[in-house]
Amino acid sequence: MLPEFLQNIPFSTIFIFLLAAAISLLTSLANRLLTNPEKSKAWRKEIAEYNAELRKAQRSGDKKRLEKLMKKQQYILQLQSKMMMQSMKVMLIFIAPLIIMWQILGGFYSGHAIAYLPGLSDIDGNILLPLIGPISSLLWWYMLCSFLFGTIFSHLFGLVSVE
């Protein structure tokens, strides 16, 4: 299905790098179009403030304040539920295509090195992590690239706030 030359470094490295960039771009665009980032930020801020107040009241033992905050707990749980539903929209769209893509890539790249990370890769291209040992380089290279592009696109599309 995929050309054989994509199984060899540096082509495999570049291919997975670009694939991760494309998927991160698509998911970030879908997040931007299908969710309301401004509303999500406001909800996150409100939940964080509530949790900070709750911790402060618990530490100080202020029963009156705790009682008042407990009355607001149902509202906070509803906000958390709304936030979860927002993120579920995008996940439901992408989950099946990603599972299919991983099945194809896993079969195509089984036994092949994807990328060498100097100082962290063995001769077979397995990424060696202390205390864990060799890890499939397809998974780790994709995850590394995906986190990089996911962070970049999330900031570009205003999906996360920098505070």
C-alpha atoms as a PDB file:
ATOM      1  CA  MET A   1       0.000   0.000   0.000  1.00  0.00           C
ATOM      2  CA  LEU A   2       2.814   2.416   0.893  1.00  0.00           C
ATOM      3  CA  PRO A   3       5.983   2.652  -1.209  1.00  0.00           C
ATOM      4  CA  GLU A   4       8.821   0.450   0.079  1.00  0.00           C
ATOM      5  CA  PHE A   5      11.309   3.330   0.295  1.00  0.00           C
ATOM      6  CA  LEU A   6       9.246   4.766   3.184  1.00  0.00           C
ATOM      7  CA  GLN A   7      10.458   1.880   5.349  1.00  0.00           C
ATOM      8  CA  ASN A   8      14.016   3.201   5.375  1.00  0.00           C
ATOM      9  CA  ILE A   9      15.533   6.054   7.338  1.00  0.00           C
ATOM     10  CA  PRO A  10      15.488   9.067   6.587  1.00  0.00           C
ATOM     11  CA  PHE A  11      12.295   8.642   4.540  1.00  0.00           C
ATOM     12  CA  SER A  12      10.458   6.874   7.365  1.00  0.00           C
ATOM     13  CA  THR A  13      11.518   9.614   9.793  1.00  0.00           C
ATOM     14  CA  ILE A  14      10.269  12.384   7.518  1.00  0.00           C
ATOM     15  CA  PHE A  15       7.070  10.537   6.574  1.00  0.00           C
ATOM     16  CA  ILE A  16       5.971   9.972  10.181  1.00  0.00           C
ATOM     17  CA  PHE A  17       7.023  13.542  11.047  1.00  0.00           C
ATOM     18  CA  LEU A  18       4.805  14.945   8.270  1.00  0.00           C
ATOM     19  CA  LEU A  19       1.976  12.518   9.066  1.00  0.00           C
ATOM     20  CA  ALA A  20       1.981  13.646  12.703  1.00  0.00           C
ATOM     21  CA  ALA A  21       1.969  17.277  11.556  1.00  0.00           C
ATOM     22  CA  ALA A  22      -0.994  16.684   9.224  1.00  0.00           C
ATOM     23  CA  ILE A  23      -3.038  14.803  11.830  1.00  0.00           C
ATOM     24  CA  SER A  24      -2.270  17.408  14.506  1.00  0.00           C
ATOM     25  CA  LEU A  25      -3.306  20.157  12.112  1.00  0.00           C
ATOM     26  CA  LEU A  26      -6.582  18.396  11.283  1.00  0.00           C
ATOM     27  CA  THR A  27      -7.462  17.708  14.911  1.00  0.00           C
ATOM     28  CA  SER A  28      -6.613  21.269  15.937  1.00  0.00           C
ATOM     29  CA  LEU A  29      -8.742  22.652  13.105  1.00  0.00           C
ATOM     30  CA  ALA A  30     -11.608  20.359  14.071  1.00  0.00           C
ATOM     31  CA  ASN A  31     -11.243  21.462  17.691  1.00  0.00           C
ATOM     32  CA  ARG A  32     -11.346  25.105  16.640  1.00  0.00           C
ATOM     33  CA  LEU A  33     -14.382  24.633  14.390  1.00  0.00           C
ATOM     34  CA  LEU A  34     -16.442  22.224  16.526  1.00  0.00           C
ATOM     35  CA  THR A  35     -15.802  23.625  19.988  1.00  0.00           C
ATOM     36  CA  ASN A  36     -15.864  27.038  21.570  1.00  0.00           C
ATOM     37  CA  PRO A  37     -12.325  27.642  22.888  1.00  0.00           C
ATOM     38  CA  GLU A  38     -13.261  30.910  24.611  1.00  0.00           C
ATOM     39  CA  LYS A  39     -16.074  29.236  26.526  1.00  0.00           C
ATOM     40  CA  SER A  40     -13.814  26.298  27.409  1.00  0.00           C
ATOM     41  CA  LYS A  41     -11.141  28.673  28.731  1.00  0.00           C
ATOM     42  CA  ALA A  42     -13.724  30.463  30.866  1.00  0.00           C
ATOM     43  CA  TRP A  43     -15.010  27.154  32.216  1.00  0.00           C
ATOM     44  CA  ARG A  44     -11.467  25.933  32.970  1.00  0.00           C
ATOM     45  CA  LYS A  45     -10.721  29.172  34.804  1.00  0.00           C
ATOM     46  CA  GLU A  46     -13.931  28.962  36.844  1.00  0.00           C
ATOM     47  CA  ILE A  47     -13.254  25.326  37.777  1.00  0.00           C
ATOM     48  CA  ALA A  48      -9.651  26.104  38.740  1.00  0.00           C
ATOM     49  CA  GLU A  49     -10.779  29.009  40.927  1.00  0.00           C
ATOM     50  CA  TYR A  50     -13.402  26.818  42.600  1.00  0.00           C
ATOM     51  CA  ASN A  51     -10.855  24.062  43.273  1.00  0.00           C
ATOM     52  CA  ALA A  52      -8.368  26.572  44.704  1.00  0.00           C
ATOM     53  CA  GLU A  53     -11.045  28.011  47.002  1.00  0.00           C
ATOM     54  CA  LEU A  54     -12.105  24.517  48.054  1.00  0.00           C
ATOM     55  CA  ARG A  55      -8.524  23.496  48.923  1.00  0.00           C
ATOM     56  CA  LYS A  56      -8.006  26.726  50.841  1.00  0.00           C
ATOM     57  CA  ALA A  57     -11.226  26.224  52.829  1.00  0.00           C
ATOM     58  CA  GLN A  58     -10.320  22.589  53.551  1.00  0.00           C
ATOM     59  CA  ARG A  59      -6.846  23.534  54.774  1.00  0.00           C
ATOM     60  CA  SER A  60      -8.144  26.305  56.999  1.00  0.00           C
ATOM     61  CA  GLY A  61     -11.033  24.187  58.295  1.00  0.00           C
ATOM     62  CA  ASP A  62     -13.573  26.929  57.441  1.00  0.00           C
ATOM     63  CA  LYS A  63     -16.781  24.881  57.662  1.00  0.00           C
ATOM     64  CA  LYS A  64     -19.011  27.801  56.669  1.00  0.00           C
ATOM     65  CA  ARG A  65     -16.994  28.407  53.490  1.00  0.00           C
ATOM     66  CA  LEU A  66     -16.889  24.654  52.728  1.00  0.00           C
ATOM     67  CA  GLU A  67     -20.656  24.445  53.053  1.00  0.00           C
ATOM     68  CA  LYS A  68     -21.080  27.350  50.638  1.00  0.00           C
ATOM     69  CA  LEU A  69     -18.656  25.768  48.160  1.00  0.00           C
ATOM     70  CA  MET A  70     -20.392  22.382  48.375  1.00  0.00           C
ATOM     71  CA  LYS A  71     -23.605  24.055  47.193  1.00  0.00           C
ATOM     72  CA  LYS A  72     -21.721  25.126  44.065  1.00  0.00           C
ATOM     73  CA  GLN A  73     -20.257  21.652  43.480  1.00  0.00           C
ATOM     74  CA  GLN A  74     -23.130  20.443  41.262  1.00  0.00           C
ATOM     75  CA  TYR A  75     -22.683  23.460  38.975  1.00  0.00           C
ATOM     76  CA  ILE A  76     -18.926  22.781  38.732  1.00  0.00           C
ATOM     77  CA  LEU A  77     -19.597  19.123  37.887  1.00  0.00           C
ATOM     78  CA  GLN A  78     -21.929  20.288  35.089  1.00  0.00           C
ATOM     79  CA  LEU A  79     -19.184  22.555  33.711  1.00  0.00           C
ATOM     80  CA  GLN A  80     -16.726  19.662  33.761  1.00  0.00           C
ATOM     81  CA  SER A  81     -19.262  17.504  31.944  1.00  0.00           C
ATOM     82  CA  LYS A  82     -19.760  20.170  29.269  1.00  0.00           C
ATOM     83  CA  MET A  83     -15.997  20.442  28.794  1.00  0.00           C
ATOM     84  CA  MET A  84     -15.717  16.680  28.418  1.00  0.00           C
ATOM     85  CA  MET A  85     -18.501  16.641  25.814  1.00  0.00           C
ATOM     86  CA  GLN A  86     -16.687  19.350  23.831  1.00  0.00           C
ATOM     87  CA  SER A  87     -13.519  17.253  23.617  1.00  0.00           C
ATOM     88  CA  MET A  88     -15.503  14.069  22.897  1.00  0.00           C
ATOM     89  CA  LYS A  89     -16.910  15.608  19.700  1.00  0.00           C
ATOM     90  CA  VAL A  90     -13.491  15.735  18.084  1.00  0.00           C
ATOM     91  CA  MET A  91     -12.340  12.409  19.487  1.00  0.00           C
ATOM     92  CA  LEU A  92     -15.376  10.599  18.048  1.00  0.00           C
ATOM     93  CA  ILE A  93     -14.606  11.941  14.579  1.00  0.00           C
ATOM     94  CA  PHE A  94     -10.957  10.883  14.613  1.00  0.00           C
ATOM     95  CA  ILE A  95     -10.867   7.653  16.639  1.00  0.00           C
ATOM     96  CA  ALA A  96     -11.826   5.160  13.903  1.00  0.00           C
ATOM     97  CA  PRO A  97      -9.564   6.627  11.169  1.00  0.00           C
ATOM     98  CA  LEU A  98      -6.640   6.737  13.613  1.00  0.00           C
ATOM     99  CA  ILE A  99      -7.134   3.116  14.652  1.00  0.00           C
ATOM    100  CA  ILE A 100      -7.179   2.061  10.992  1.00  0.00           C
ATOM    101  CA  MET A 101      -4.095   4.186  10.262  1.00  0.00           C
ATOM    102  CA  TRP A 102      -2.218   2.607  13.195  1.00  0.00           C
ATOM    103  CA  GLN A 103      -3.122  -0.891  12.005  1.00  0.00           C
ATOM    104  CA  ILE A 104      -1.718  -0.124   8.560  1.00  0.00           C
ATOM    105  CA  LEU A 105       1.405   1.636   9.834  1.00  0.00           C
ATOM    106  CA  GLY A 106       2.057  -1.023  12.470  1.00  0.00           C
ATOM    107  CA  GLY A 107       2.061  -3.742   9.822  1.00  0.00           C
ATOM    108  CA  PHE A 108       4.073  -1.697   7.337  1.00  0.00           C
ATOM    109  CA  TYR A 109       6.774  -0.705   9.819  1.00  0.00           C
ATOM    110  CA  SER A 110       6.995  -3.894  11.904  1.00  0.00           C
ATOM    111  CA  GLY A 111      10.658  -4.752  12.264  1.00  0.00           C
ATOM    112  CA  HIS A 112      11.813  -1.470  10.729  1.00  0.00           C
ATOM    113  CA  ALA A 113      13.534   1.431  12.449  1.00  0.00           C
ATOM    114  CA  ILE A 114      11.731   4.737  11.958  1.00  0.00           C
ATOM    115  CA  ALA A 115      14.153   7.219  13.449  1.00  0.00           C
ATOM    116  CA  TYR A 116      17.389   7.255  15.390  1.00  0.00           C
ATOM    117  CA  LEU A 117      17.569   9.486  18.394  1.00  0.00           C
ATOM    118  CA  PRO A 118      21.267  10.005  19.175  1.00  0.00           C
ATOM    119  CA  GLY A 119      22.114   8.565  22.547  1.00  0.00           C
ATOM    120  CA  LEU A 120      18.681   6.988  22.989  1.00  0.00           C
ATOM    121  CA  SER A 121      18.490   4.467  20.116  1.00  0.00           C
ATOM    122  CA  ASP A 122      20.057   1.047  19.793  1.00  0.00           C
ATOM    123  CA  ILE A 123      21.316  -0.337  16.488  1.00  0.00           C
ATOM    124  CA  ASP A 124      17.849  -1.661  15.586  1.00  0.00           C
ATOM    125  CA  GLY A 125      16.238   1.763  16.032  1.00  0.00           C
ATOM    126  CA  ASN A 126      14.541   0.880  19.307  1.00  0.00           C
ATOM    127  CA  ILE A 127      14.416   3.829  21.629  1.00  0.00           C
ATOM    128  CA  LEU A 128      16.001   2.886  24.931  1.00  0.00           C
ATOM    129  CA  LEU A 129      14.468   4.456  27.989  1.00  0.00           C
ATOM    130  CA  PRO A 130      16.139   4.051  31.385  1.00  0.00           C
ATOM    131  CA  LEU A 131      14.442   1.398  33.541  1.00  0.00           C
ATOM    132  CA  ILE A 132      12.019   0.540  30.704  1.00  0.00           C
ATOM    133  CA  GLY A 133      14.303  -0.761  27.962  1.00  0.00           C
ATOM    134  CA  PRO A 134      13.613  -0.848  24.194  1.00  0.00           C
ATOM    135  CA  ILE A 135      10.405   0.766  22.931  1.00  0.00           C
ATOM    136  CA  SER A 136       8.881   0.608  19.439  1.00  0.00           C
ATOM    137  CA  SER A 137      10.317   3.600  17.629  1.00  0.00           C
ATOM    138  CA  LEU A 138       7.181   4.042  15.456  1.00  0.00           C
ATOM    139  CA  LEU A 139       5.063   4.725  18.501  1.00  0.00           C
ATOM    140  CA  TRP A 140       7.582   6.973  20.230  1.00  0.00           C
ATOM    141  CA  TRP A 141       8.605   8.909  17.130  1.00  0.00           C
ATOM    142  CA  TYR A 142       4.959   9.542  16.234  1.00  0.00           C
ATOM    143  CA  MET A 143       4.123  10.569  19.810  1.00  0.00           C
ATOM    144  CA  LEU A 144       7.105  12.931  19.999  1.00  0.00           C
ATOM    145  CA  CYS A 145       6.173  14.575  16.681  1.00  0.00           C
ATOM    146  CA  SER A 146       2.483  14.643  17.566  1.00  0.00           C
ATOM    147  CA  PHE A 147       3.102  16.363  20.917  1.00  0.00           C
ATOM    148  CA  LEU A 148       5.314  18.924  19.179  1.00  0.00           C
ATOM    149  CA  PHE A 149       2.792  19.777  16.478  1.00  0.00           C
ATOM    150  CA  GLY A 150      -0.203  19.464  18.789  1.00  0.00           C
ATOM    151  CA  THR A 151       1.306  22.080  21.079  1.00  0.00           C
ATOM    152  CA  ILE A 152       2.215  24.401  18.205  1.00  0.00           C
ATOM    153  CA  PHE A 153      -1.196  24.191  16.496  1.00  0.00           C
ATOM    154  CA  SER A 154      -3.117  24.459  19.771  1.00  0.00           C
ATOM    155  CA  HIS A 155      -1.368  27.747  20.464  1.00  0.00           C
ATOM    156  CA  LEU A 156      -1.761  28.989  16.882  1.00  0.00           C
ATOM    157  CA  PHE A 157      -5.507  28.312  16.871  1.00  0.00           C
ATOM    158  CA  GLY A 158      -6.043  29.715  20.341  1.00  0.00           C
ATOM    159  CA  LEU A 159      -7.143  26.403  21.839  1.00  0.00           C
ATOM    160  CA  VAL A 160      -4.973  26.902  24.929  1.00  0.00           C
ATOM    161  CA  SER A 161      -4.143  30.048  26.787  1.00  0.00           C
ATOM    162  CA  VAL A 162      -0.681  31.071  27.836  1.00  0.00           C
ATOM    163  CA  GLU A 163      -0.835  32.536  31.304  1.00  0.00           C
END
